[in-house]
Protein backbone atom coordinates (compact mmCIF):
# COMPACT_ATOMS: atom_id res chain seq x y z
CA MET A 1 -1.89 -20.65 9.88
CA LYS A 2 0.68 -19.16 7.57
CA LYS A 3 4.23 -20.52 7.92
CA SER A 4 7.50 -18.99 7.15
CA VAL A 5 9.46 -20.47 4.27
CA TRP A 6 13.03 -20.59 4.98
CA PHE A 7 15.21 -19.09 2.22
CA LEU A 8 18.02 -21.44 2.94
CA GLY A 9 15.73 -24.47 2.57
CA PHE A 10 14.82 -23.23 -1.01
CA VAL A 11 18.50 -23.00 -1.91
CA CYS A 12 18.91 -26.61 -0.68
CA CYS A 13 15.77 -27.53 -2.57
CA ASN A 14 17.18 -25.98 -5.81
CA LEU A 15 20.53 -27.73 -5.29
CA PHE A 16 18.72 -31.05 -5.16
CA MET A 17 16.64 -30.18 -8.19
CA LEU A 18 19.85 -29.48 -10.08
CA ALA A 19 20.87 -33.05 -9.71
CA CYS A 20 17.46 -34.17 -11.03
CA ASN A 21 16.64 -31.52 -13.61
CA LYS A 22 18.97 -28.67 -14.55
CA LYS A 23 16.14 -26.59 -15.96
CA SER A 24 14.63 -26.32 -12.46
CA PHE A 25 17.83 -24.87 -10.82
CA VAL A 26 17.92 -21.22 -9.87
CA ASP A 27 21.49 -19.90 -9.45
CA PHE A 28 21.16 -17.35 -6.59
CA SER A 29 24.75 -16.30 -6.82
CA GLU A 30 24.36 -15.07 -10.35
CA ASN A 31 20.77 -13.82 -10.33
CA ALA A 32 20.75 -11.32 -7.47
CA PHE A 33 17.76 -9.69 -9.16
CA LEU A 34 15.64 -12.57 -7.83
CA LEU A 35 16.28 -11.33 -4.29
CA LEU A 36 13.90 -8.36 -4.21
CA GLY A 37 13.76 -8.54 -0.36
CA GLY A 38 17.41 -9.39 0.14
CA GLY A 39 17.75 -12.29 2.60
CA GLN A 40 13.93 -11.89 3.34
CA THR A 41 13.03 -13.09 -0.13
CA ILE A 42 10.89 -16.26 -0.48
CA ILE A 43 10.01 -18.28 -3.56
CA ASP A 44 6.16 -18.71 -3.97
CA GLU A 45 4.16 -17.83 -7.00
CA GLY A 46 0.94 -19.07 -5.57
CA SER A 47 -1.97 -17.33 -3.68
CA GLY A 48 0.04 -17.26 -0.50
CA ALA A 49 3.02 -15.38 -2.04
CA PHE A 50 2.51 -12.26 0.21
CA SER A 51 2.00 -14.09 3.46
CA HIS A 52 5.36 -15.58 4.52
CA GLY A 53 7.25 -14.42 7.64
CA PHE A 54 10.75 -13.37 7.67
CA ASN A 55 13.66 -15.95 7.72
CA ASN A 56 15.89 -16.25 10.69
CA MET A 57 13.58 -14.76 13.29
CA THR A 58 13.99 -15.88 17.00
CA GLU A 59 11.39 -18.30 18.51
CA SER A 60 9.82 -15.45 20.37
CA GLN A 61 9.69 -13.40 17.28
CA GLU A 62 8.10 -16.24 15.37
CA ARG A 63 5.42 -16.42 18.11
CA ILE A 64 4.64 -12.65 18.06
CA HIS A 65 4.41 -13.00 14.32
CA GLU A 66 1.88 -15.82 14.62
CA ILE A 67 -0.27 -13.93 17.27
CA GLY A 68 -0.26 -10.93 14.82
CA ASP A 69 -1.32 -13.21 12.06
CA ILE A 70 -4.15 -14.43 13.82
CA THR A 71 -5.30 -11.03 15.01
CA PHE A 72 -4.88 -9.65 11.48
CA GLU A 73 -7.38 -12.17 10.30
CA GLN A 74 -9.76 -11.99 13.20
CA ALA A 75 -13.14 -10.46 12.59
CA PHE A 76 -14.29 -8.06 15.10
CA VAL A 77 -17.93 -7.98 16.43
CA SER A 78 -19.94 -5.41 18.34
CA ALA A 79 -19.85 -5.26 22.18
CA PRO A 80 -20.50 -6.83 24.60
CA ALA A 81 -18.90 -9.94 23.00
CA PRO A 82 -16.21 -11.16 25.46
CA LYS A 83 -13.52 -11.43 22.93
CA TYR A 84 -12.81 -9.32 19.73
CA GLY A 85 -15.71 -7.06 20.71
CA GLY A 86 -15.87 -3.34 20.18
CA LEU A 87 -16.57 -3.01 16.43
CA GLY A 88 -17.96 0.38 15.46
CA PRO A 89 -20.38 1.88 16.12
CA LEU A 90 -19.15 3.15 12.68
CA TYR A 91 -16.81 1.17 10.47
CA ASN A 92 -15.69 0.20 6.95
CA ASN A 93 -14.78 -3.38 7.43
CA VAL A 94 -14.64 -6.02 10.18
CA SER A 95 -11.05 -7.15 9.92
CA CYS A 96 -7.67 -6.29 8.47
CA VAL A 97 -7.77 -9.26 6.07
CA SER A 98 -11.14 -8.25 4.81
CA CYS A 99 -9.46 -5.36 2.95
CA HIS A 100 -5.84 -6.62 2.60
CA VAL A 101 -6.85 -10.02 1.23
CA GLY A 102 -3.93 -12.43 1.30
CA ASP A 103 -1.85 -9.53 2.75
CA GLY A 104 -2.28 -7.93 -0.77
CA ARG A 105 -4.26 -5.13 -2.35
CA GLY A 106 -8.00 -4.40 -2.05
CA THR A 107 -10.50 -5.15 -4.74
CA ALA A 108 -11.75 -2.16 -6.80
CA SER A 109 -15.46 -1.62 -6.96
CA ILE A 110 -17.55 -1.78 -10.11
CA ALA A 111 -20.27 0.50 -11.24
CA GLY A 112 -23.29 0.55 -8.86
CA GLU A 113 -21.40 -1.61 -6.23
CA THR A 114 -20.79 -0.46 -2.64
CA PRO A 115 -17.15 -0.48 -2.09
CA SER A 116 -15.70 -3.16 0.29
CA SER A 117 -12.00 -2.31 0.40
CA LEU A 118 -12.09 1.21 -0.89
CA LEU A 119 -12.47 4.05 1.70
CA PHE A 120 -12.76 7.78 1.44
CA ARG A 121 -10.84 10.33 3.40
CA LEU A 122 -12.89 13.53 4.11
CA SER A 123 -11.80 16.95 5.13
CA ILE A 124 -12.67 20.74 4.78
CA ALA A 125 -10.31 23.33 3.44
CA GLY A 126 -7.43 24.31 5.59
CA ASN A 127 -4.94 22.46 7.84
CA GLY A 128 -4.72 21.60 11.51
CA THR A 129 -1.97 22.42 14.15
CA HIS A 130 0.47 19.97 12.67
CA GLY A 131 -0.53 20.34 8.98
CA GLU A 132 -2.96 17.57 9.12
CA PRO A 133 -6.37 17.66 7.07
CA LEU A 134 -9.27 19.24 8.99
CA PRO A 135 -12.02 16.70 9.73
CA ILE A 136 -15.53 17.49 8.80
CA PRO A 137 -17.96 18.27 11.70
CA LEU A 138 -20.38 15.42 12.34
CA PHE A 139 -18.39 13.15 9.78
CA GLY A 140 -14.76 13.23 10.95
CA GLY A 141 -11.76 12.55 8.64
CA GLN A 142 -13.10 9.32 7.02
CA LEU A 143 -16.42 8.14 5.70
CA GLN A 144 -17.78 5.11 7.40
CA ASN A 145 -20.34 3.37 5.23
CA LYS A 146 -21.38 0.69 7.82
CA ALA A 147 -22.70 0.78 11.32
CA ILE A 148 -23.62 -1.70 14.11
CA GLN A 149 -27.24 -2.21 14.88
CA GLY A 150 -28.74 0.91 16.64
CA SER A 151 -26.40 3.30 14.83
CA LEU A 152 -26.51 4.99 11.49
CA LYS A 153 -23.89 4.65 8.78
CA GLU A 154 -22.65 7.91 7.53
CA ALA A 155 -23.52 7.46 3.83
CA ASP A 156 -23.56 5.10 0.91
CA VAL A 157 -21.26 5.49 -2.10
CA ALA A 158 -22.24 5.11 -5.73
CA ILE A 159 -19.62 4.74 -8.33
CA GLN A 160 -19.90 5.50 -12.04
CA PHE A 161 -17.19 5.44 -14.75
CA GLU A 162 -16.29 7.76 -17.56
CA SER A 163 -14.41 6.46 -20.54
CA LEU A 164 -11.21 8.11 -21.74
CA GLN A 165 -8.98 7.04 -24.60
CA GLU A 166 -5.21 7.09 -24.96
CA THR A 167 -3.64 6.55 -28.49
CA TYR A 168 -0.10 4.99 -29.07
CA ALA A 169 2.19 6.31 -31.73
CA ASP A 170 1.49 3.10 -33.79
CA GLY A 171 -2.30 3.92 -33.79
CA GLU A 172 -3.56 1.45 -31.18
CA ILE A 173 -6.14 2.92 -28.85
CA VAL A 174 -6.58 1.98 -25.09
CA THR A 175 -9.82 2.92 -23.27
CA LEU A 176 -9.30 3.99 -19.69
CA GLN A 177 -12.10 4.39 -16.92
CA LYS A 178 -12.23 7.32 -14.73
CA PRO A 179 -14.43 6.91 -11.65
CA LYS A 180 -16.91 9.33 -10.19
CA TYR A 181 -18.12 8.95 -6.75
CA THR A 182 -21.41 10.03 -5.25
CA PHE A 183 -22.54 9.91 -1.74
CA THR A 184 -26.09 9.11 -1.07
CA ASN A 185 -28.30 8.47 1.98
CA SER A 186 -26.16 10.46 4.31
CA TYR A 187 -27.36 10.25 7.96
CA THR A 188 -27.11 14.07 8.12
CA VAL A 189 -26.34 16.80 5.71
CA LEU A 190 -22.84 16.28 4.22
CA PRO A 191 -21.35 19.65 3.38
CA ASN A 192 -19.01 20.26 0.49
CA ALA A 193 -16.04 18.13 1.19
CA LEU A 194 -12.65 17.37 -0.02
CA VAL A 195 -12.65 13.69 -0.75
CA SER A 196 -9.87 11.27 -1.44
CA PRO A 197 -10.61 7.54 -2.35
CA ARG A 198 -7.92 5.26 -1.02
CA ILE A 199 -7.95 1.38 -1.74
CA ALA A 200 -6.13 -1.10 0.56
CA SER A 201 -2.57 -1.52 -0.53
CA PRO A 202 -0.23 -4.65 0.02
CA VAL A 203 1.31 -5.03 3.39
CA PHE A 204 4.19 -7.33 2.65
CA GLY A 205 7.68 -5.97 2.68
CA LEU A 206 6.68 -2.90 4.71
CA GLY A 207 9.20 -3.69 7.50
CA LEU A 208 12.01 -3.50 5.07
CA LEU A 209 10.73 -0.09 3.75
CA GLN A 210 10.54 1.11 7.32
CA ALA A 211 14.14 0.02 7.73
CA ILE A 212 15.55 2.14 4.88
CA PRO A 213 17.70 4.91 6.29
CA GLU A 214 16.07 8.37 6.07
CA GLU A 215 19.12 9.85 4.53
CA ALA A 216 18.94 7.26 1.61
CA LEU A 217 15.29 8.39 0.85
CA LEU A 218 16.13 12.14 1.17
CA ALA A 219 19.10 11.68 -1.25
CA ASN A 220 16.47 11.22 -3.96
CA ALA A 221 14.49 14.33 -3.03
CA ASP A 222 14.83 17.23 -5.44
CA ILE A 223 11.91 19.58 -4.35
CA HIS A 224 13.01 22.29 -6.75
CA ASP A 225 14.10 20.11 -9.58
CA GLN A 226 17.59 21.54 -9.46
CA ASN A 227 18.85 18.88 -11.91
CA ALA A 228 16.04 19.89 -14.34
CA ASP A 229 15.03 16.33 -15.25
CA GLY A 230 11.36 17.06 -14.53
CA ILE A 231 11.30 15.00 -11.47
CA SER A 232 11.01 16.71 -7.98
CA GLY A 233 10.50 14.15 -5.34
CA LYS A 234 9.25 15.63 -2.03
CA PRO A 235 9.31 14.17 1.44
CA ASN A 236 6.05 14.28 3.46
CA TYR A 237 6.73 15.24 7.07
CA VAL A 238 3.81 13.97 9.27
CA TRP A 239 2.79 14.01 12.91
CA ASN A 240 3.77 11.08 15.08
CA VAL A 241 1.15 10.86 17.78
CA ARG A 242 3.42 8.90 20.24
CA THR A 243 6.54 11.05 19.97
CA LYS A 244 4.61 14.37 19.54
CA GLN A 245 7.05 15.26 16.74
CA LYS A 246 6.95 15.66 12.90
CA GLN A 247 8.58 12.58 11.22
CA LEU A 248 9.29 11.49 7.63
CA GLY A 249 6.11 9.84 6.28
CA ARG A 250 6.60 6.44 4.49
CA PHE A 251 3.30 4.73 4.41
CA GLY A 252 -0.15 5.34 2.95
CA TRP A 253 -1.00 6.63 -0.59
CA LYS A 254 0.26 10.09 0.42
CA ALA A 255 3.04 8.87 2.76
CA ASN A 256 0.91 10.36 5.60
CA GLN A 257 1.89 7.77 8.34
CA PRO A 258 5.35 7.77 10.02
CA ASP A 259 5.57 4.14 10.98
CA LEU A 260 3.70 0.83 10.82
CA LEU A 261 2.45 0.99 14.49
CA GLN A 262 0.65 4.32 13.90
CA GLN A 263 -0.51 3.06 10.52
CA VAL A 264 -2.09 -0.11 12.08
CA ALA A 265 -3.49 1.82 15.09
CA GLY A 266 -5.13 4.38 12.66
CA ALA A 267 -6.65 1.63 10.51
CA TYR A 268 -8.19 -0.08 13.62
CA ASN A 269 -9.59 3.10 14.70
CA GLU A 270 -11.00 4.52 11.45
CA ASP A 271 -11.69 1.44 9.51
CA MET A 272 -13.12 -0.69 12.24
CA GLY A 273 -14.04 1.71 14.96
CA ILE A 274 -11.56 -0.18 17.39
CA THR A 275 -9.97 2.16 19.89
CA ASN A 276 -6.37 1.53 21.04
CA PHE A 277 -3.69 3.23 23.16
CA ILE A 278 -2.56 5.50 20.21
CA PHE A 279 -6.10 6.47 19.15
CA PRO A 280 -8.27 5.89 22.25
CA LYS A 281 -11.24 7.90 21.18
CA GLU A 282 -14.18 6.60 19.08
CA ASN A 283 -13.99 7.64 15.43
CA CYS A 284 -17.48 9.16 15.88
CA LEU A 285 -16.49 11.22 18.89
CA ASN A 286 -18.10 14.46 17.78
CA GLN A 287 -20.96 12.85 15.96
CA VAL A 288 -24.58 11.98 16.67
CA GLN A 289 -23.80 8.30 17.00
CA TYR A 290 -21.27 8.74 19.79
CA ASP A 291 -22.74 7.18 23.06
CA GLY A 292 -20.69 9.35 25.38
CA ARG A 293 -19.11 6.32 27.03
CA ASN A 294 -15.33 6.33 27.87
CA ASP A 295 -14.59 2.59 27.79
CA GLU A 296 -11.24 0.95 27.92
CA VAL A 297 -9.47 0.53 24.64
CA GLU A 298 -10.93 -2.14 22.47
CA VAL A 299 -7.62 -3.87 21.20
CA SER A 300 -4.88 -4.42 23.81
CA ASP A 301 -1.54 -2.76 23.49
CA SER A 302 0.12 -6.23 23.04
CA LEU A 303 -2.10 -7.34 20.24
CA LEU A 304 -1.77 -3.98 18.44
CA GLN A 305 1.95 -4.35 18.75
CA ALA A 306 1.77 -8.03 17.54
CA VAL A 307 -0.20 -6.93 14.38
CA ALA A 308 2.30 -4.21 13.67
CA PHE A 309 5.16 -6.77 14.09
CA TYR A 310 3.35 -9.29 11.87
CA ILE A 311 3.21 -6.68 9.08
CA ARG A 312 6.82 -5.63 9.73
CA SER A 313 8.08 -9.11 9.32
CA LEU A 314 6.37 -10.21 6.10
CA ALA A 315 8.80 -11.25 3.45
CA VAL A 316 8.93 -10.40 -0.21
CA PRO A 317 8.27 -12.85 -3.09
CA ALA A 318 11.16 -13.36 -5.47
CA ALA A 319 11.19 -11.98 -9.04
CA ARG A 320 10.55 -14.52 -11.73
CA LYS A 321 11.97 -15.35 -15.28
CA VAL A 322 14.85 -13.06 -14.74
CA ASN A 323 17.01 -14.88 -17.19
CA THR A 324 14.63 -14.39 -20.13
CA SER A 325 15.37 -12.06 -22.88
CA ALA A 326 12.04 -10.53 -22.53
CA PHE A 327 12.61 -9.75 -18.79
CA LYS A 328 16.08 -8.15 -19.47
CA SER A 329 14.72 -6.22 -22.44
CA GLY A 330 11.80 -5.03 -20.37
CA TYR A 331 14.09 -3.93 -17.51
CA SER A 332 16.14 -1.87 -20.08
CA LEU A 333 13.09 -0.19 -21.45
CA PHE A 334 11.72 0.61 -17.90
CA ASN A 335 14.93 2.47 -17.34
CA GLN A 336 15.05 3.90 -20.87
CA VAL A 337 11.62 5.65 -20.55
CA GLY A 338 12.56 6.99 -17.17
CA CYS A 339 10.39 4.94 -14.80
CA ASN A 340 13.33 4.41 -12.50
CA ALA A 341 13.54 8.16 -11.82
CA CYS A 342 10.73 7.61 -9.21
CA HIS A 343 10.68 3.84 -8.97
CA VAL A 344 14.14 3.68 -7.45
CA GLU A 345 15.46 0.03 -7.41
CA ASN A 346 18.15 -0.39 -4.76
CA TYR A 347 18.52 0.32 -1.06
CA VAL A 348 20.34 -1.28 1.90
CA THR A 349 18.39 -1.35 5.17
CA GLN A 350 19.91 0.08 8.35
CA VAL A 351 21.24 -1.95 11.10
CA ASP A 352 18.81 -2.90 13.92
CA VAL A 353 20.51 -4.76 16.73
CA SER A 354 17.21 -5.75 18.31
CA PHE A 355 16.01 -7.33 15.01
CA PRO A 356 19.08 -8.59 12.92
CA ALA A 357 16.74 -10.33 10.38
CA ILE A 358 15.78 -6.93 9.06
CA SER A 359 19.22 -5.48 9.07
CA ASN A 360 21.64 -4.65 6.33
CA GLN A 361 19.39 -6.19 3.56
CA LYS A 362 20.06 -5.25 -0.06
CA ILE A 363 16.57 -4.78 -1.33
CA LYS A 364 14.81 -3.84 -4.53
CA PRO A 365 11.49 -2.22 -3.84
CA PHE A 366 11.34 0.16 -6.80
CA THR A 367 10.15 3.16 -5.03
CA ASP A 368 11.61 6.36 -3.46
CA LEU A 369 8.69 6.61 -0.98
CA LEU A 370 8.59 10.34 -1.98
CA LEU A 371 5.73 12.48 -3.17
CA HIS A 372 5.29 13.36 -6.89
CA GLU A 373 3.02 15.57 -8.78
CA MET A 374 0.94 13.18 -10.93
CA GLY A 375 -1.19 15.47 -12.88
CA GLU A 376 -4.75 16.45 -13.27
CA GLY A 377 -6.12 13.13 -14.09
CA LEU A 378 -5.14 11.50 -10.74
CA ALA A 379 -5.62 14.61 -8.53
CA ASP A 380 -7.88 14.31 -5.39
CA TYR A 381 -7.42 18.19 -4.74
CA ARG A 382 -6.92 17.31 -0.99
CA SER A 383 -3.86 18.04 1.00
CA ASP A 384 -2.44 15.73 3.53
CA PHE A 385 0.35 17.32 5.60
CA ASP A 386 2.91 18.44 3.08
CA ALA A 387 1.26 16.52 0.26
CA ASN A 388 -0.93 18.68 -1.99
CA GLY A 389 -4.00 17.61 -3.93
CA PHE A 390 -1.94 16.53 -7.01
CA GLU A 391 0.82 14.55 -5.27
CA TRP A 392 1.05 10.76 -4.46
CA ARG A 393 3.78 8.69 -2.91
CA THR A 394 5.63 6.35 -5.38
CA ALA A 395 4.14 2.84 -5.02
CA PRO A 396 6.58 -0.09 -4.48
CA LEU A 397 6.66 -2.40 -7.48
CA TRP A 398 8.01 -5.64 -5.93
CA GLY A 399 5.45 -8.38 -6.13
CA ILE A 400 3.28 -6.37 -8.37
CA GLY A 401 3.13 -9.18 -10.99
CA LEU A 402 1.58 -11.56 -8.47
CA ALA A 403 -1.45 -9.38 -7.64
CA LYS A 404 -3.81 -11.36 -9.85
CA ARG A 405 -2.70 -14.66 -8.45
CA VAL A 406 -3.05 -13.53 -4.86
CA ASN A 407 -5.99 -11.15 -5.13
CA GLY A 408 -7.86 -12.34 -8.13
CA HIS A 409 -7.56 -8.98 -9.98
CA SER A 410 -5.04 -6.55 -11.42
CA ASN A 411 -6.54 -3.30 -10.37
CA PHE A 412 -3.95 -0.66 -9.52
CA LEU A 413 -3.40 2.98 -8.51
CA HIS A 414 -4.80 4.72 -5.43
CA ASP A 415 -8.49 3.90 -6.12
CA GLY A 416 -8.04 0.77 -8.23
CA ARG A 417 -9.14 2.52 -11.50
CA ALA A 418 -6.32 0.89 -13.64
CA ARG A 419 -7.57 -2.49 -14.58
CA ASN A 420 -4.01 -3.64 -15.60
CA LEU A 421 -0.46 -2.46 -15.59
CA GLU A 422 -0.74 -0.82 -19.07
CA GLU A 423 -3.55 1.37 -17.79
CA ALA A 424 -1.67 2.28 -14.65
CA ILE A 425 1.18 3.64 -16.90
CA LEU A 426 -1.21 5.49 -19.10
CA TRP A 427 -2.77 7.34 -16.08
CA HIS A 428 0.63 8.93 -15.28
CA GLY A 429 0.81 12.65 -15.74
CA GLY A 430 2.65 15.48 -14.20
CA GLU A 431 6.11 14.25 -13.20
CA GLY A 432 5.21 10.95 -14.80
CA GLN A 433 4.16 12.55 -18.17
CA HIS A 434 7.50 12.15 -19.91
CA SER A 435 7.81 8.47 -19.13
CA LYS A 436 4.22 7.88 -20.15
CA ASP A 437 4.89 9.75 -23.52
CA GLN A 438 8.08 7.72 -24.05
CA PHE A 439 6.11 4.38 -23.35
CA LYS A 440 3.46 5.52 -25.90
CA LYS A 441 6.19 5.91 -28.53
CA LEU A 442 7.40 2.33 -28.13
CA SER A 443 6.42 -0.37 -30.47
CA LYS A 444 3.89 -2.96 -29.45
CA GLU A 445 6.57 -5.51 -28.91
CA GLN A 446 8.52 -3.21 -26.65
CA ARG A 447 5.56 -2.22 -24.67
CA LEU A 448 4.82 -5.87 -24.09
CA LYS A 449 8.37 -6.52 -22.93
CA LEU A 450 8.29 -3.63 -20.38
CA ILE A 451 4.87 -4.93 -19.12
CA TYR A 452 6.40 -8.47 -18.95
CA PHE A 453 9.14 -7.20 -16.78
CA LEU A 454 6.64 -5.68 -14.35
CA GLU A 455 4.61 -8.81 -14.37
CA ASN A 456 7.61 -10.83 -13.13
CA LEU A 457 8.61 -8.59 -10.32
């Protein structure tokens, strides 16, 4: 069972260490940069860094968080199991944690390997009533590459890579890998489809992102680039299934989900084939595998809410080595090359009287949660509400330097193609092209300092 680490306890611990060893003391009053999650920041550089609950929750909130934790880790099985049954008949994985290992990012696949935490959104040309992508008849809106006994998986996925090169101003060459996906062994004919690969992204700190006031996010939007800085920033307005209204999207690689509850409900339904009160229909409703039964939902309302609360109340690990000259220089270079135009540093969360622990927190997520055109190299050519086939939501950077420690790899971007932070930068195009070009002009020492800064967020 994961346990919350109290921020105040760490302060006291550091005060104790000051008396024993001055080098171990962290002065929180002078190093606000440490507090990426405001008061919901924890100190943990180990494999559990992404899995701590908020500080200062009530006893009942702690209990709901724990129930959500258990359910997040629970593997579902096929019916008629008395508990945690209902898996499938089509699915991509058996539990939340199977993709979001350690509450972090999914593992990218290698050539010839069937993806485990990489899924594929599917659609045909056009948009639905609310601007949503149109599902493919007999396949739906997501490819499920697994099935329970007696059903047929939709298809297998084969991955190959093409090598591309980027050359720095000083002559150093970096080789990138561009993935190519091929669907094989489909259970029926798969028509020409718009395909978008999506790897599982980290789930810590999402409650704080949900608590950023909408007006603070829209203040960074500049759809027509009126300030002529080459950065547009566009909000994605998406359909909220519960309220039956359009709402600002914040979550998902294209900001196509309005809140955490709908994000969780959609993942249960599409990724695991688990029905719930938000998505009560099987993900294979119009397909050959559908059994025609109208059973009760397969995860209860209370457990679904508990998982959403668990994710909402996951804290953020502190930044590290913030007093080193390399960190400070890297931070300056990060701003100098223009990364901060999209990876916006500072916000203050709104007041939530029902959840004071999330209220009025000064946070540093390094994202604007807006859509940006990222160029041909990263394009999936598939629209998703207001997001077009070249646009992606700015990914938060907090905790990014701990990915390898928590998840055992350093693969980044929407499909995990970047094998490290350097490659992730070099894949930037479109609105990110200028920053990429400026990065390529830096000396090797400067590039390493900028990467060092990111590795310690």
